[in-house]
Amino acid sequence: MAKLKVKDLQNLTPDELKEKKDGLKKELFSLRLQAKSGKLEKHSTIRSTKRDVARVLTVLTQKERS
C-alpha cells in the first residue's frame, strides 16, 4: 500500500477515517502473521502500515476536537 497523505486524509469524514483505520489494522494483523510464518518479503511494510494507522488516528483526533 502506498503511503497515505495527510492532505488526503483530512478530506475524509470521521466515519471514513474509522473504516480506513479498521482496514489498516486488519492489514497489519495479516502482515504480522506473514512475518511469523516467514512468508513476508518486505518487513518494512509493517513499519509503514503502523505509521499509516498513526496518521489516520492523528487526523481523526484533530477532527473530533474541532
N, C-alpha and C. Protein backbone atom coordinates (compact mmCIF):
# COMPACT_ATOMS: atom_id res chain seq x y z
N MET A 1 0.84 -1.17 0.00
CA MET A 1 0.00 0.00 0.00
C MET A 1 0.89 1.24 0.00
N ALA A 2 0.45 2.24 -0.72
CA ALA A 2 1.20 3.48 -0.79
C ALA A 2 1.03 4.28 0.50
N LYS A 3 2.00 5.11 0.78
CA LYS A 3 1.95 5.95 1.97
C LYS A 3 0.75 6.88 1.88
N LEU A 4 0.01 6.96 2.95
CA LEU A 4 -1.15 7.84 3.00
C LEU A 4 -0.71 9.28 3.20
N LYS A 5 -1.31 10.17 2.48
CA LYS A 5 -1.00 11.60 2.60
C LYS A 5 -1.98 12.24 3.58
N VAL A 6 -1.46 13.12 4.42
CA VAL A 6 -2.29 13.78 5.42
C VAL A 6 -3.35 14.65 4.75
N LYS A 7 -2.99 15.30 3.66
CA LYS A 7 -3.96 16.15 2.95
C LYS A 7 -5.15 15.33 2.47
N ASP A 8 -4.88 14.11 1.97
CA ASP A 8 -5.97 13.25 1.51
C ASP A 8 -6.84 12.79 2.68
N LEU A 9 -6.21 12.51 3.80
CA LEU A 9 -6.95 12.05 4.98
C LEU A 9 -7.83 13.15 5.55
N GLN A 10 -7.38 14.38 5.47
CA GLN A 10 -8.15 15.50 6.03
C GLN A 10 -9.44 15.73 5.26
N ASN A 11 -9.51 15.26 4.03
CA ASN A 11 -10.72 15.43 3.23
C ASN A 11 -11.77 14.37 3.52
N LEU A 12 -11.43 13.35 4.29
CA LEU A 12 -12.36 12.27 4.59
C LEU A 12 -13.20 12.62 5.81
N THR A 13 -14.38 12.00 5.89
CA THR A 13 -15.26 12.19 7.05
C THR A 13 -14.76 11.30 8.19
N PRO A 14 -15.17 11.58 9.42
CA PRO A 14 -14.75 10.74 10.54
C PRO A 14 -15.12 9.26 10.36
N ASP A 15 -16.28 8.99 9.78
CA ASP A 15 -16.68 7.59 9.56
C ASP A 15 -15.76 6.91 8.55
N GLU A 16 -15.38 7.63 7.51
CA GLU A 16 -14.46 7.08 6.51
C GLU A 16 -13.09 6.83 7.13
N LEU A 17 -12.67 7.72 8.01
CA LEU A 17 -11.39 7.56 8.69
C LEU A 17 -11.40 6.32 9.59
N LYS A 18 -12.53 6.09 10.27
CA LYS A 18 -12.63 4.91 11.13
C LYS A 18 -12.59 3.63 10.30
N GLU A 19 -13.23 3.64 9.14
CA GLU A 19 -13.18 2.49 8.24
C GLU A 19 -11.76 2.26 7.74
N LYS A 20 -11.08 3.34 7.40
CA LYS A 20 -9.69 3.25 6.93
C LYS A 20 -8.80 2.67 8.04
N LYS A 21 -9.01 3.13 9.28
CA LYS A 21 -8.24 2.63 10.42
C LYS A 21 -8.47 1.14 10.62
N ASP A 22 -9.72 0.72 10.56
CA ASP A 22 -10.04 -0.70 10.74
C ASP A 22 -9.38 -1.55 9.65
N GLY A 23 -9.42 -1.07 8.41
CA GLY A 23 -8.80 -1.79 7.31
C GLY A 23 -7.29 -1.90 7.47
N LEU A 24 -6.67 -0.82 7.93
CA LEU A 24 -5.22 -0.83 8.14
C LEU A 24 -4.83 -1.77 9.28
N LYS A 25 -5.65 -1.81 10.33
CA LYS A 25 -5.35 -2.70 11.45
C LYS A 25 -5.46 -4.16 11.03
N LYS A 26 -6.45 -4.47 10.18
CA LYS A 26 -6.58 -5.84 9.67
C LYS A 26 -5.38 -6.18 8.78
N GLU A 27 -4.96 -5.24 7.97
CA GLU A 27 -3.79 -5.45 7.12
C GLU A 27 -2.54 -5.66 7.97
N LEU A 28 -2.40 -4.89 9.04
CA LEU A 28 -1.26 -5.03 9.94
C LEU A 28 -1.24 -6.41 10.60
N PHE A 29 -2.41 -6.88 11.01
CA PHE A 29 -2.51 -8.21 11.60
C PHE A 29 -2.07 -9.28 10.59
N SER A 30 -2.53 -9.14 9.37
CA SER A 30 -2.16 -10.08 8.31
C SER A 30 -0.66 -10.05 8.05
N LEU A 31 -0.08 -8.86 8.03
CA LEU A 31 1.35 -8.73 7.80
C LEU A 31 2.15 -9.39 8.93
N ARG A 32 1.67 -9.22 10.15
CA ARG A 32 2.37 -9.84 11.29
C ARG A 32 2.33 -11.36 11.21
N LEU A 33 1.18 -11.90 10.78
CA LEU A 33 1.08 -13.35 10.62
C LEU A 33 2.04 -13.83 9.53
N GLN A 34 2.10 -13.10 8.43
CA GLN A 34 3.00 -13.46 7.35
C GLN A 34 4.46 -13.42 7.82
N ALA A 35 4.79 -12.44 8.64
CA ALA A 35 6.15 -12.31 9.13
C ALA A 35 6.51 -13.49 10.02
N LYS A 36 5.59 -13.89 10.87
CA LYS A 36 5.85 -15.02 11.78
C LYS A 36 5.98 -16.33 11.02
N SER A 37 5.22 -16.47 9.93
CA SER A 37 5.28 -17.72 9.17
C SER A 37 6.40 -17.70 8.13
N GLY A 38 7.09 -16.58 8.00
CA GLY A 38 8.22 -16.49 7.08
C GLY A 38 7.85 -16.20 5.64
N LYS A 39 6.63 -15.78 5.39
CA LYS A 39 6.17 -15.53 4.03
C LYS A 39 6.23 -14.06 3.63
N LEU A 40 6.58 -13.20 4.56
CA LEU A 40 6.64 -11.77 4.28
C LEU A 40 8.01 -11.42 3.69
N GLU A 41 7.99 -10.81 2.51
CA GLU A 41 9.24 -10.49 1.83
C GLU A 41 9.81 -9.14 2.29
N LYS A 42 8.95 -8.13 2.41
CA LYS A 42 9.41 -6.81 2.81
C LYS A 42 8.89 -6.50 4.22
N HIS A 43 9.76 -6.60 5.19
CA HIS A 43 9.35 -6.34 6.57
C HIS A 43 9.10 -4.86 6.82
N SER A 44 9.55 -4.02 5.93
CA SER A 44 9.32 -2.58 6.10
C SER A 44 7.84 -2.22 5.90
N THR A 45 7.06 -3.11 5.29
CA THR A 45 5.63 -2.82 5.12
C THR A 45 4.91 -2.77 6.47
N ILE A 46 5.40 -3.53 7.45
CA ILE A 46 4.80 -3.49 8.78
C ILE A 46 4.99 -2.10 9.37
N ARG A 47 6.20 -1.58 9.27
CA ARG A 47 6.51 -0.26 9.81
C ARG A 47 5.68 0.83 9.13
N SER A 48 5.59 0.79 7.81
CA SER A 48 4.84 1.82 7.09
C SER A 48 3.34 1.72 7.38
N THR A 49 2.83 0.51 7.57
CA THR A 49 1.41 0.35 7.90
C THR A 49 1.12 0.90 9.29
N LYS A 50 2.03 0.66 10.24
CA LYS A 50 1.86 1.21 11.58
C LYS A 50 1.84 2.74 11.54
N ARG A 51 2.69 3.29 10.71
CA ARG A 51 2.73 4.76 10.60
C ARG A 51 1.46 5.30 9.94
N ASP A 52 0.91 4.55 8.97
CA ASP A 52 -0.35 4.95 8.34
C ASP A 52 -1.48 4.95 9.36
N VAL A 53 -1.50 3.95 10.23
CA VAL A 53 -2.52 3.90 11.29
C VAL A 53 -2.38 5.13 12.18
N ALA A 54 -1.16 5.49 12.52
CA ALA A 54 -0.92 6.66 13.36
C ALA A 54 -1.39 7.94 12.67
N ARG A 55 -1.14 8.04 11.37
CA ARG A 55 -1.59 9.23 10.63
C ARG A 55 -3.12 9.34 10.67
N VAL A 56 -3.79 8.22 10.44
CA VAL A 56 -5.26 8.21 10.45
C VAL A 56 -5.77 8.60 11.83
N LEU A 57 -5.18 8.04 12.87
CA LEU A 57 -5.63 8.36 14.23
C LEU A 57 -5.38 9.83 14.57
N THR A 58 -4.28 10.39 14.10
CA THR A 58 -3.98 11.79 14.35
C THR A 58 -5.02 12.69 13.70
N VAL A 59 -5.33 12.43 12.45
CA VAL A 59 -6.32 13.25 11.73
C VAL A 59 -7.69 13.07 12.36
N LEU A 60 -8.02 11.86 12.76
CA LEU A 60 -9.31 11.59 13.39
C LEU A 60 -9.44 12.37 14.70
N THR A 61 -8.39 12.39 15.50
CA THR A 61 -8.40 13.14 16.76
C THR A 61 -8.54 14.63 16.50
N GLN A 62 -7.85 15.13 15.49
CA GLN A 62 -7.95 16.55 15.16
C GLN A 62 -9.36 16.91 14.75
N LYS A 63 -10.02 16.05 13.99
CA LYS A 63 -11.38 16.32 13.55
C LYS A 63 -12.36 16.28 14.73
N GLU A 64 -12.14 15.36 15.65
CA GLU A 64 -13.04 15.25 16.80
C GLU A 64 -12.91 16.44 17.75
N ARG A 65 -11.72 17.01 17.83
CA ARG A 65 -11.51 18.15 18.74
C ARG A 65 -12.00 19.47 18.14
N SER A 66 -12.11 19.53 16.84
CA SER A 66 -12.55 20.80 16.24
C SER A 66 -14.03 20.83 15.96
